[in-house]
Amino acid sequence: MAVLVALLVLAASCSSSGPDEATPESGPAADAGQEAEFLEAPAESDPDASATDTDPAPELYPDDAIIIGVISDRTGLMKDLDGPALEAARVQVARVNERGGVLGRPLVLAEFDSRSQLNASFQAANELVSDGAELFLVTCDYQFAKPAIEVATEADRLVLSPCGGTAEWGNPAVGGRNVFSFAMPSAAEGVLMADYVVERYGTTVTMIIDSTDPDAQAQCAAFEETFRAAGGGFRGRLEVDVESAPDLEENVASLVRTSFELPTAVVLCAGTTVGQDVVLFLRRSGLEAPIVAGSTMDGDDWIVNVERTGEMVVLSYASTFGDDPDPAVDQLFEEIEVFTGEPPDQGRPVTGADAIEAFALAAERAGSLDLESLIAELESFDGQKLVAGTVTFTSTAHLSSRAMRLLRIEDRLPRFVEMIEIGADEVVPEPEPTPETEATPETEATPETEATPETDATPTAEGQ
C-alpha cells in the first residue's frame, strides 16, 4: 500500500534530528515547528504491498504527543475530496500546537494513502492502532472508510471524517457511536437546492445525476422528494457517467427542438469529472436553462474544460475567491496557500480544519481522551462555532446541517452571492444507507456498483 507518513510536532518538544530527517516545510506548519519524515511504500505496481511492508517511521515526536492517524486518499478515486480537507487539517494542527496543543500535548499527524482501496485502509488502521494513534481522520467515502472504522471501533478510538455526507456517517446505529462527520448531509443539500429552485426558477426541471458519486445521488434523491412535495415535476430525469455524458448533446438538442415546454432549470448532482462534461454538452445542445448544482461541483478548476457555463449557481462550504462573508474562512485559505504554495480551488477544505478544532475542543472540555467522554462532549455541540461555521450533534445525529454559500459563476469565475440554510421546521428526507459491499478487507474493489440509467438517456416528460 502506498504510504505517506507526516509527523507534525512542536520543535521545542523534539530531540535533535538525525542526518536522514527531512527539513521542515514552509508555511504555517513549519512556523509552528514542523518536522517531517516521508516514507514511500513499495512501488504502485506491486498490488500485494501493504502498509506493514515499510520500515517503521523514526520517532520525531515526544512520548506525550497525541497521534492522529490519517487514512485518506492521495492518489485514488477520492483524492479530490480527501486531499484538500487534509491540507486544512494540517494547518489547523499547526494552529492548535501554536496555542499549546491539546491537554498540554502536541498533535501529530501520521498519514497513510489509502488509494481508495479497502485492503489499504484495513492495513493502515491496524498499524496506526499498534503505533498508538488516539484519533482517526478518515476518507470522505463511507464504504472505503469502513475497514478503518471497524478497526478503530474495536480499539475504542474516535473516528472523524472531514467530508463524509452520506447517511451512514450521521446515524450512530449504522456508522457507529464513535464516528462523526463534519460535512453537510448530502440530503440536506438536496433540500436547499429544491427550496432555491422553487423560489427562483419554478417547478419544471430536468435533473441529471452522476451515477458514480454517492454524495451526488443522495443530493438528488432528497431534491426529488422535496421538489415533488412542493408541486414540482420533471422534463427528464437522467443518470449519466463519463461514457454516457456525450450523448446528452444530441438527446437534449432533440428535446429543445420538439418540446412545447422546456425546463426552467437543470438540477445537476455530480462530481466535477462527470459534471464538467454535462455542462459542456448541455450548452452545446442549445439548452440555456440555468444550472443549479450541489457542492460536489464546487471549485473552478473544471471550468476551463467547458466552453461556457451559461447561468449557473453552485452550493459551497466556503468561497475561496477572497469574498467569503466570514473573515476566519479567508484567513484559513490564506494560510493554506502559504502552506501549499497555491490557493484552494474549492470550499470543502474548511471541514478538515473543523474536524481538528472539534476534537481539540471536546478533549479540553472532557479533560481526557477517554472515548465515552469525547463522544459525550461532541454530542453536546449545539450551534458550536468552528472554523467554517456552526455545527450541532446529538446522540442520534452525527452529521450536522449548516449554512451554505451560494456561488454564481459569472465570466467563468464563481462569486459569493448569499448564505442559504434549511428552515428550523423543515424536514430533511432520511435516505437509505448505501448498500454494503461484500468486499472483505483484502478486496480492492470500488464500493459503488455500476448504476443503470433510469432512462435511455433521452429526457422524457414525467407527470407534474
Protein backbone atom coordinates (compact mmCIF):
# COMPACT_ATOMS: atom_id res chain seq x y z
CA MET A 1 0.00 0.00 0.00
CA ALA A 2 1.30 3.42 -0.83
CA VAL A 3 2.10 5.03 2.47
CA LEU A 4 2.82 8.60 3.37
CA VAL A 5 3.64 9.38 6.97
CA ALA A 6 3.86 13.01 8.03
CA LEU A 7 4.59 13.80 11.65
CA LEU A 8 3.81 17.36 12.72
CA VAL A 9 5.15 18.45 16.10
CA LEU A 10 6.32 21.40 18.12
CA ALA A 11 10.04 21.95 17.60
CA ALA A 12 10.58 22.64 21.25
CA SER A 13 9.32 19.19 22.09
CA CYS A 14 11.57 17.30 19.69
CA SER A 15 15.03 15.86 20.12
CA SER A 16 17.77 16.67 17.63
CA SER A 17 17.25 15.38 14.12
CA GLY A 18 19.24 12.63 12.54
CA PRO A 19 21.02 13.11 9.21
CA ASP A 20 18.26 11.38 7.23
CA GLU A 21 15.39 13.52 8.52
CA ALA A 22 13.60 15.91 6.22
CA THR A 23 13.78 19.62 6.83
CA PRO A 24 10.63 21.44 7.94
CA GLU A 25 8.31 22.52 5.14
CA SER A 26 7.45 26.14 4.60
CA GLY A 27 4.12 27.56 5.68
CA PRO A 28 2.08 27.59 8.89
CA ALA A 29 3.08 24.13 10.00
CA ALA A 30 6.75 24.94 9.60
CA ASP A 31 6.28 28.17 11.51
CA ALA A 32 4.80 26.11 14.34
CA GLY A 33 7.92 23.96 14.36
CA GLN A 34 7.01 21.17 11.97
CA GLU A 35 9.50 18.39 11.33
CA ALA A 36 8.55 15.70 8.86
CA GLU A 37 9.69 12.33 7.61
CA PHE A 38 8.10 10.96 4.48
CA LEU A 39 8.26 7.25 3.81
CA GLU A 40 7.37 5.82 0.44
CA ALA A 41 5.95 2.34 0.24
CA PRO A 42 6.84 -0.22 -2.44
CA ALA A 43 6.09 0.84 -5.98
CA GLU A 44 2.49 1.27 -7.05
CA SER A 45 2.93 -1.65 -9.45
CA ASP A 46 3.16 -4.10 -6.54
CA PRO A 47 -0.51 -4.80 -5.70
CA ASP A 48 0.36 -7.03 -2.77
CA ALA A 49 2.36 -4.40 -0.90
CA SER A 50 0.83 -3.32 2.40
CA ALA A 51 1.38 -0.63 5.00
CA THR A 52 3.45 -3.02 7.07
CA ASP A 53 5.98 -3.61 4.27
CA THR A 54 7.85 -0.39 5.10
CA ASP A 55 10.29 0.15 7.94
CA PRO A 56 8.83 1.90 10.99
CA ALA A 57 8.91 5.67 10.92
CA PRO A 58 11.60 7.24 13.10
CA GLU A 59 10.08 8.79 16.20
CA LEU A 60 10.36 12.52 15.62
CA TYR A 61 7.86 13.38 18.33
CA PRO A 62 7.85 13.30 22.12
CA ASP A 63 6.37 10.47 24.12
CA ASP A 64 3.34 12.57 25.12
CA ALA A 65 2.32 13.51 21.55
CA ILE A 66 -1.27 12.79 20.53
CA ILE A 67 -1.05 10.77 17.32
CA ILE A 68 -3.84 11.42 14.82
CA GLY A 69 -3.97 8.59 12.32
CA VAL A 70 -4.95 9.88 8.89
CA ILE A 71 -6.22 7.32 6.37
CA SER A 72 -7.20 9.30 3.31
CA ASP A 73 -6.85 9.11 -0.44
CA ARG A 74 -3.97 10.98 -2.06
CA THR A 75 -3.77 9.10 -5.37
CA GLY A 76 -7.07 7.27 -5.95
CA LEU A 77 -10.75 7.93 -6.60
CA MET A 78 -11.35 10.17 -3.58
CA LYS A 79 -8.20 12.28 -3.82
CA ASP A 80 -10.03 15.43 -4.99
CA LEU A 81 -12.12 15.46 -1.78
CA ASP A 82 -9.73 13.93 0.73
CA GLY A 83 -6.64 15.90 -0.30
CA PRO A 84 -7.96 19.44 0.24
CA ALA A 85 -9.53 18.51 3.59
CA LEU A 86 -6.19 17.11 4.74
CA GLU A 87 -4.41 20.33 3.78
CA ALA A 88 -6.76 22.30 6.03
CA ALA A 89 -6.34 19.73 8.82
CA ARG A 90 -2.56 20.21 8.68
CA VAL A 91 -2.95 23.96 9.02
CA GLN A 92 -5.33 23.58 11.97
CA VAL A 93 -2.95 21.13 13.69
CA ALA A 94 -0.24 23.78 13.44
CA ARG A 95 -2.62 26.37 14.91
CA VAL A 96 -3.58 24.11 17.81
CA ASN A 97 0.06 23.32 18.53
CA GLU A 98 0.92 27.02 18.48
CA ARG A 99 -1.53 27.61 21.31
CA GLY A 100 -0.14 24.76 23.40
CA GLY A 101 -1.62 21.61 21.91
CA VAL A 102 -4.44 19.56 23.46
CA LEU A 103 -4.31 18.85 27.18
CA GLY A 104 -0.78 20.23 27.07
CA ARG A 105 0.26 17.65 24.46
CA PRO A 106 1.32 18.35 20.85
CA LEU A 107 -0.72 16.93 17.98
CA VAL A 108 0.94 14.67 15.40
CA LEU A 109 -0.46 13.61 12.03
CA ALA A 110 0.55 10.13 10.85
CA GLU A 111 -0.66 9.96 7.25
CA PHE A 112 -1.41 6.91 5.09
CA ASP A 113 -2.51 6.98 1.46
CA SER A 114 -5.45 4.58 1.24
CA ARG A 115 -5.68 4.87 -2.59
CA SER A 116 -9.42 4.20 -2.11
CA GLN A 117 -8.66 0.52 -1.55
CA LEU A 118 -10.24 -1.48 1.23
CA ASN A 119 -7.16 -3.54 1.98
CA ALA A 120 -5.03 -0.40 2.28
CA SER A 121 -7.48 1.14 4.75
CA PHE A 122 -7.57 -2.04 6.84
CA GLN A 123 -3.78 -2.43 6.94
CA ALA A 124 -3.17 1.22 7.78
CA ALA A 125 -5.70 1.21 10.61
CA ASN A 126 -4.11 -1.82 12.24
CA GLU A 127 -0.66 -0.28 12.01
CA LEU A 128 -1.87 3.01 13.46
CA VAL A 129 -3.53 1.28 16.41
CA SER A 130 -0.24 -0.54 17.07
CA ASP A 131 1.60 2.79 16.87
CA GLY A 132 -0.68 4.35 19.48
CA ALA A 133 -2.96 6.55 17.37
CA GLU A 134 -5.64 8.08 19.61
CA LEU A 135 -7.83 9.61 16.91
CA PHE A 136 -8.60 8.58 13.32
CA LEU A 137 -9.24 11.02 10.46
CA VAL A 138 -10.63 9.04 7.53
CA THR A 139 -11.68 9.35 3.90
CA CYS A 140 -14.93 11.01 2.89
CA ASP A 141 -16.44 7.84 1.37
CA TYR A 142 -18.02 5.59 3.99
CA GLN A 143 -17.53 2.32 2.14
CA PHE A 144 -13.82 2.99 1.63
CA ALA A 145 -13.51 4.10 5.26
CA LYS A 146 -15.42 1.13 6.70
CA PRO A 147 -12.43 -1.22 7.26
CA ALA A 148 -10.61 1.51 9.19
CA ILE A 149 -13.75 2.35 11.15
CA GLU A 150 -14.15 -1.27 12.22
CA VAL A 151 -10.52 -1.48 13.39
CA ALA A 152 -10.77 1.83 15.24
CA THR A 153 -14.06 0.86 16.86
CA GLU A 154 -12.60 -2.41 18.12
CA ALA A 155 -9.74 -0.40 19.63
CA ASP A 156 -12.08 2.19 21.25
CA ARG A 157 -10.84 5.08 19.12
CA LEU A 158 -12.73 8.16 17.96
CA VAL A 159 -13.22 8.43 14.17
CA LEU A 160 -13.81 11.74 12.38
CA SER A 161 -14.47 12.31 8.69
CA PRO A 162 -13.98 15.84 7.39
CA CYS A 163 -16.37 15.48 4.49
CA GLY A 164 -18.47 12.30 4.53
CA GLY A 165 -22.01 13.44 3.73
CA THR A 166 -23.98 10.24 3.09
CA ALA A 167 -26.48 8.79 5.56
CA GLU A 168 -24.17 6.24 7.19
CA TRP A 169 -21.98 8.95 8.72
CA GLY A 170 -24.85 10.60 10.52
CA ASN A 171 -26.55 7.55 12.01
CA PRO A 172 -24.71 6.17 15.07
CA ALA A 173 -26.67 2.94 14.76
CA VAL A 174 -25.10 2.40 11.33
CA GLY A 175 -21.77 4.21 11.31
CA GLY A 176 -21.01 3.77 15.00
CA ARG A 177 -21.30 5.88 18.15
CA ASN A 178 -17.63 6.78 17.83
CA VAL A 179 -17.99 8.13 14.26
CA PHE A 180 -18.73 11.78 13.39
CA SER A 181 -18.56 13.76 10.16
CA PHE A 182 -18.25 17.49 9.57
CA ALA A 183 -19.81 17.55 6.11
CA MET A 184 -23.18 18.98 5.29
CA PRO A 185 -25.53 15.98 4.91
CA SER A 186 -25.91 15.34 1.20
CA ALA A 187 -29.67 15.03 1.65
CA ALA A 188 -29.78 18.45 3.31
CA GLU A 189 -28.03 19.92 0.27
CA GLY A 190 -30.77 18.43 -1.88
CA VAL A 191 -33.40 20.17 0.25
CA LEU A 192 -31.58 23.50 -0.08
CA MET A 193 -31.40 23.06 -3.84
CA ALA A 194 -35.12 22.25 -4.07
CA ASP A 195 -36.12 25.27 -1.99
CA TYR A 196 -33.93 27.55 -4.10
CA VAL A 197 -35.18 26.20 -7.44
CA VAL A 198 -38.87 26.50 -6.48
CA GLU A 199 -38.36 30.07 -5.27
CA ARG A 200 -36.21 31.29 -8.17
CA TYR A 201 -37.00 29.14 -11.20
CA GLY A 202 -40.35 27.45 -10.77
CA THR A 203 -41.49 23.84 -10.79
CA THR A 204 -40.36 22.26 -14.07
CA VAL A 205 -36.79 21.00 -14.21
CA THR A 206 -34.51 18.47 -15.83
CA MET A 207 -32.49 16.50 -13.30
CA ILE A 208 -29.12 14.94 -14.16
CA ILE A 209 -27.38 12.60 -11.70
CA ASP A 210 -23.82 11.30 -11.67
CA SER A 211 -24.28 7.55 -11.31
CA THR A 212 -20.74 7.15 -9.93
CA ASP A 213 -20.95 9.59 -6.99
CA PRO A 214 -22.83 8.52 -3.79
CA ASP A 215 -22.99 12.08 -2.43
CA ALA A 216 -24.45 13.35 -5.69
CA GLN A 217 -27.03 10.57 -5.71
CA ALA A 218 -28.08 11.45 -2.15
CA GLN A 219 -28.40 15.11 -3.10
CA CYS A 220 -30.77 14.40 -5.96
CA ALA A 221 -32.80 11.80 -4.05
CA ALA A 222 -33.61 14.41 -1.41
CA PHE A 223 -34.11 17.09 -4.07
CA GLU A 224 -36.66 14.95 -5.87
CA GLU A 225 -38.68 14.18 -2.73
CA THR A 226 -38.71 17.81 -1.58
CA PHE A 227 -39.35 19.19 -5.07
CA ARG A 228 -42.29 16.87 -5.75
CA ALA A 229 -43.78 17.75 -2.37
CA ALA A 230 -43.68 21.39 -3.46
CA GLY A 231 -45.58 20.56 -6.67
CA GLY A 232 -42.55 20.20 -8.90
CA GLY A 233 -42.27 17.98 -11.96
CA PHE A 234 -39.57 16.83 -14.35
CA ARG A 235 -38.78 17.21 -18.03
CA GLY A 236 -36.31 14.35 -17.86
CA ARG A 237 -34.50 12.56 -15.07
CA LEU A 238 -31.18 11.12 -16.23
CA GLU A 239 -28.33 9.17 -14.70
CA VAL A 240 -25.03 9.57 -16.55
CA ASP A 241 -21.36 8.70 -16.24
CA VAL A 242 -18.26 9.76 -18.15
CA GLU A 243 -19.03 7.43 -21.04
CA SER A 244 -22.68 8.40 -21.48
CA ALA A 245 -22.39 12.15 -20.84
CA PRO A 246 -21.57 12.99 -24.51
CA ASP A 247 -24.97 11.53 -25.52
CA LEU A 248 -26.61 14.48 -23.76
CA GLU A 249 -25.78 16.86 -26.62
CA GLU A 250 -27.89 15.02 -29.18
CA ASN A 251 -30.65 13.94 -26.79
CA VAL A 252 -31.16 17.33 -25.18
CA ALA A 253 -30.97 19.04 -28.58
CA SER A 254 -33.88 16.85 -29.62
CA LEU A 255 -35.77 17.96 -26.51
CA VAL A 256 -35.12 21.62 -27.33
CA ARG A 257 -36.35 21.17 -30.93
CA THR A 258 -39.51 19.22 -30.17
CA SER A 259 -40.73 20.16 -26.70
CA PHE A 260 -43.55 22.61 -26.10
CA GLU A 261 -42.30 23.17 -22.56
CA LEU A 262 -38.61 23.40 -21.77
CA PRO A 263 -37.33 23.06 -18.21
CA THR A 264 -36.97 26.29 -16.29
CA ALA A 265 -33.77 24.95 -14.68
CA VAL A 266 -31.39 21.99 -14.79
CA VAL A 267 -30.55 20.39 -11.47
CA LEU A 268 -27.11 18.82 -11.58
CA CYS A 269 -25.95 16.37 -8.91
CA ALA A 270 -22.46 15.30 -9.96
CA GLY A 271 -18.79 15.28 -9.20
CA THR A 272 -16.66 17.55 -11.34
CA THR A 273 -15.32 14.78 -13.60
CA VAL A 274 -18.79 13.90 -14.86
CA GLY A 275 -20.31 17.31 -14.16
CA GLN A 276 -17.98 19.25 -16.44
CA ASP A 277 -18.99 17.03 -19.35
CA VAL A 278 -22.65 17.51 -18.51
CA VAL A 279 -22.26 21.30 -18.57
CA LEU A 280 -20.26 21.15 -21.81
CA PHE A 281 -22.77 19.03 -23.71
CA LEU A 282 -25.86 20.71 -22.26
CA ARG A 283 -24.73 24.07 -23.56
CA ARG A 284 -23.71 22.62 -26.90
CA SER A 285 -27.21 21.18 -27.23
CA GLY A 286 -28.74 24.65 -27.14
CA LEU A 287 -30.41 24.35 -23.73
CA GLU A 288 -29.88 27.66 -21.93
CA ALA A 289 -31.82 26.95 -18.72
CA PRO A 290 -29.97 27.90 -15.51
CA ILE A 291 -27.99 25.09 -13.88
CA VAL A 292 -28.21 24.55 -10.11
CA ALA A 293 -25.56 22.25 -8.65
CA GLY A 294 -24.56 20.92 -5.24
CA SER A 295 -21.21 21.27 -3.51
CA THR A 296 -19.84 18.26 -5.39
CA MET A 297 -19.44 20.73 -8.30
CA ASP A 298 -17.71 23.35 -6.16
CA GLY A 299 -14.44 24.82 -7.39
CA ASP A 300 -13.16 26.49 -10.53
CA ASP A 301 -10.55 24.02 -11.82
CA TRP A 302 -13.11 22.28 -14.05
CA ILE A 303 -14.46 25.46 -15.64
CA VAL A 304 -11.51 25.73 -18.03
CA ASN A 305 -12.65 22.43 -19.56
CA VAL A 306 -16.01 23.79 -20.77
CA GLU A 307 -16.66 26.33 -23.49
CA ARG A 308 -19.12 28.25 -21.32
CA THR A 309 -21.27 27.62 -18.29
CA GLY A 310 -24.13 29.98 -19.01
CA GLU A 311 -26.14 30.89 -15.92
CA MET A 312 -25.07 28.55 -13.13
CA VAL A 313 -25.14 28.54 -9.32
CA VAL A 314 -23.30 26.12 -7.03
CA LEU A 315 -23.52 25.37 -3.32
CA SER A 316 -20.27 25.65 -1.40
CA TYR A 317 -18.96 25.31 2.14
CA ALA A 318 -16.94 28.49 1.65
CA SER A 319 -15.88 30.87 -1.07
CA THR A 320 -12.21 30.55 -1.99
CA PHE A 321 -12.24 33.75 -4.04
CA GLY A 322 -11.50 36.27 -1.31
CA ASP A 323 -15.13 37.29 -0.86
CA ASP A 324 -16.35 34.89 1.84
CA PRO A 325 -18.53 36.68 4.41
CA ASP A 326 -16.55 35.11 7.28
CA PRO A 327 -13.05 36.63 7.70
CA ALA A 328 -11.93 33.46 9.53
CA VAL A 329 -12.50 31.46 6.36
CA ASP A 330 -10.48 33.87 4.25
CA GLN A 331 -7.69 33.67 6.85
CA LEU A 332 -7.69 29.87 6.73
CA PHE A 333 -7.43 29.85 2.95
CA GLU A 334 -4.58 32.36 3.06
CA GLU A 335 -2.69 30.05 5.43
CA ILE A 336 -3.37 27.04 3.23
CA GLU A 337 -1.94 28.96 0.26
CA VAL A 338 1.21 29.76 2.24
CA PHE A 339 1.47 26.13 3.33
CA THR A 340 0.87 24.52 -0.09
CA GLY A 341 2.03 27.25 -2.46
CA GLU A 342 -1.36 27.64 -4.13
CA PRO A 343 -4.85 28.68 -3.05
CA PRO A 344 -7.59 26.06 -2.53
CA ASP A 345 -9.74 25.53 -5.60
CA GLN A 346 -12.90 24.63 -3.67
CA GLY A 347 -14.58 25.40 -0.34
CA ARG A 348 -14.71 21.88 1.08
CA PRO A 349 -11.26 22.00 2.78
CA VAL A 350 -12.73 24.01 5.65
CA THR A 351 -14.23 20.83 7.09
CA GLY A 352 -10.74 19.42 7.65
CA ALA A 353 -9.98 22.35 9.93
CA ASP A 354 -13.36 21.90 11.63
CA ALA A 355 -12.64 18.25 12.45
CA ILE A 356 -9.33 19.08 14.17
CA GLU A 357 -10.79 22.03 16.07
CA ALA A 358 -13.79 19.97 17.22
CA PHE A 359 -11.51 17.26 18.58
CA ALA A 360 -9.41 19.84 20.42
CA LEU A 361 -12.48 21.46 21.99
CA ALA A 362 -14.03 18.12 23.00
CA ALA A 363 -10.81 16.83 24.56
CA GLU A 364 -10.16 20.03 26.52
CA ARG A 365 -13.72 20.08 27.85
CA ALA A 366 -13.61 16.37 28.72
CA GLY A 367 -10.21 16.74 30.32
CA SER A 368 -9.12 13.42 28.81
CA LEU A 369 -9.07 11.32 25.65
CA ASP A 370 -11.45 8.76 27.07
CA LEU A 371 -13.72 7.71 24.19
CA GLU A 372 -17.03 7.93 26.05
CA SER A 373 -16.10 11.37 27.38
CA LEU A 374 -15.19 12.59 23.88
CA ILE A 375 -18.45 11.25 22.44
CA ALA A 376 -20.44 12.98 25.19
CA GLU A 377 -18.73 16.30 24.52
CA LEU A 378 -19.22 16.10 20.76
CA GLU A 379 -22.87 15.16 21.18
CA SER A 380 -23.30 18.27 23.35
CA PHE A 381 -22.28 20.57 20.47
CA ASP A 382 -25.30 22.82 19.92
CA GLY A 383 -24.57 25.53 17.41
CA GLN A 384 -20.88 25.14 18.24
CA LYS A 385 -18.80 27.69 16.32
CA LEU A 386 -15.93 26.09 14.47
CA VAL A 387 -13.68 27.41 11.73
CA ALA A 388 -16.23 27.29 8.92
CA GLY A 389 -19.46 27.86 10.81
CA THR A 390 -21.62 26.21 13.44
CA VAL A 391 -22.37 22.50 13.93
CA THR A 392 -24.83 20.61 16.10
CA PHE A 393 -24.55 16.95 17.08
CA THR A 394 -26.88 14.80 19.16
CA SER A 395 -26.93 11.23 20.38
CA THR A 396 -28.82 10.26 17.22
CA ALA A 397 -27.29 12.62 14.64
CA HIS A 398 -23.54 12.69 13.98
CA LEU A 399 -23.90 14.83 10.85
CA SER A 400 -24.88 18.49 11.15
CA SER A 401 -26.79 20.70 8.77
CA ARG A 402 -25.10 24.05 8.33
CA ALA A 403 -25.49 27.25 6.36
CA MET A 404 -24.04 27.03 2.86
CA ARG A 405 -22.66 29.64 0.50
CA LEU A 406 -24.38 30.12 -2.84
CA LEU A 407 -21.88 30.95 -5.58
CA ARG A 408 -22.81 32.26 -9.00
CA ILE A 409 -20.48 31.62 -11.92
CA GLU A 410 -20.04 34.79 -13.95
CA ASP A 411 -17.47 35.22 -16.70
CA ARG A 412 -16.06 31.79 -15.79
CA LEU A 413 -15.41 32.93 -12.20
CA PRO A 414 -17.50 31.87 -9.18
CA ARG A 415 -18.55 34.68 -6.86
CA PHE A 416 -20.29 34.66 -3.48
CA VAL A 417 -23.96 35.66 -3.66
CA GLU A 418 -25.65 34.78 -0.38
CA MET A 419 -25.87 32.41 2.58
CA ILE A 420 -28.70 29.89 2.50
CA GLU A 421 -29.82 27.35 5.08
CA ILE A 422 -32.63 24.97 5.86
CA GLY A 423 -35.53 26.35 7.88
CA ALA A 424 -35.76 25.28 11.52
CA ASP A 425 -39.01 23.41 10.92
CA GLU A 426 -38.05 21.85 7.57
CA VAL A 427 -37.72 18.09 7.37
CA VAL A 428 -34.72 16.53 5.62
CA PRO A 429 -35.64 13.22 3.95
CA GLU A 430 -33.96 10.20 5.54
CA PRO A 431 -32.10 8.43 2.74
CA GLU A 432 -31.37 4.75 2.84
CA PRO A 433 -27.75 3.98 3.77
CA THR A 434 -25.59 2.88 0.86
CA PRO A 435 -25.84 -0.91 0.49
CA GLU A 436 -22.78 -2.61 1.89
CA THR A 437 -20.49 -4.41 -0.47
CA GLU A 438 -19.47 -7.98 0.08
CA ALA A 439 -15.83 -6.98 -0.12
CA THR A 440 -13.51 -8.30 2.55
CA PRO A 441 -10.55 -6.27 3.85
CA GLU A 442 -8.41 -7.95 1.19
CA THR A 443 -10.66 -6.73 -1.61
CA GLU A 444 -9.57 -3.72 -3.64
CA ALA A 445 -12.81 -3.13 -5.49
CA THR A 446 -14.58 0.22 -5.59
CA PRO A 447 -17.59 0.41 -3.29
CA GLU A 448 -20.13 1.51 -5.81
CA THR A 449 -21.82 -0.83 -8.23
CA GLU A 450 -22.32 0.39 -11.77
CA ALA A 451 -25.60 2.23 -11.95
CA THR A 452 -28.06 1.65 -14.76
CA PRO A 453 -29.68 4.81 -16.13
CA GLU A 454 -33.39 5.03 -15.39
CA THR A 455 -33.99 6.18 -18.93
CA ASP A 456 -32.32 5.56 -22.27
CA ALA A 457 -30.53 8.89 -21.80
CA THR A 458 -33.27 10.71 -23.70
CA PRO A 459 -35.03 13.28 -21.46
CA THR A 460 -38.62 12.24 -21.05
CA ALA A 461 -41.58 14.05 -19.59
CA GLU A 462 -42.88 12.91 -16.24
CA GLY A 463 -46.13 13.77 -14.57
CA GLN A 464 -46.28 17.07 -12.77
